[in-house]
Amino acid sequence: MLFFQSLISGILTGGVYALAAMGMSLVFGVMNISNFAHGELMMLGMYLAYYLFILFNIDPFIALLIIMPLTFGFGYAVEKTMIGRVIDHPSENQILLTVGFGLIMSNTALLAFTSDPKILTTSYSSSSISLPGDISVSIPMLLSFIITCALTAALYLFLAKTKTGMALRATSQNREAAQLMGIDVSRMSSIAFGTGTLLAASAGAMIAQTYYIDPFAGHTFLLKSFTICVLGGLGSVIGAAVGGIVIGLVEAMSSAYLSTDWKDVVVFVLFLAILLLRPRGLFGRKGEQ
């Protein structure tokens, strides 16, 4: 039964990883920028969920209805004021800007909230559902997975069925051609970064019940998100979704059959193997949605 317990835990955890990675992948696909402040955007979602619960007693999952529009607006404004200014600059400038922006966010959080880790505990944080065979399913992780599936489906429909979504896909495939066809690529970049921020913060808000919240909590998730994007294919939203599940499963199986100390080692060995054997990732070239 250890196998099935690990399988379920890996899928549930991987779903939240996938949500965070989809935001990074969308930004890369549309803007061709690797956002190294992505972990801090997740940290922002964690703190928003924590304080909405502590100050206003709003359940973390219901708080998503507030967090999503707030963080979309925040990401949209950041792209307009900072990220958009270096979109045509060398990649080194883009990396330095996003790294610097991430440092500003984490150190601002350090000054505002101190380095003391915070714990978001609800009435059901430690609750679980028992399945046959002594298999238990964490209720917060199950709810997170269900919401992740809903957000993933909404993102897919948005990209596939709406005019704005199709414009985003066109921009990701060929920015210059999209501009010649009358698409406002600058606006598409802002929407992509805002949506990427929304997805990262939503993932952070949902995992706030299972991880300590501190100003540097996003660093680990930045590495995981980048690994998932490379595994699935940089710029591929579908690849990020599949890659998140794969990484979640690899971590869970490694913890069960080796040791929790080895799970990150196995993940990064897989990361290096993908880079060596299939540099484009599992889902092909950048720009495929």
Foldseek 3Di string as FASTA:
>chain_A
DLLVLLLQQLQLQLLLLLLLLLLQLLLCLQLVARQLLSLLLLLVLLVQLQCCCVPVVDHLVNCLVVLLVVLLVVQLVCCVPPQVVCSVPDRVVRVVRNVVVNVVSLVVQCVVPNFDWDARDDPQLAPWDADPPRRTGRPLSVVLNVVSVVVLVVLVCQLPPDPLNVLSLVSSVPVVVSVVVPRPSSSNSSSSRSNSSSSSSSSSSSCRNPDIRGSCSSPVSSVSSVLQCQQQFRNASVSSSVSSSVLSSQQSVCCSPPNNVCSVVSSVVVSVVCCVPPRRHDHGYHSHD
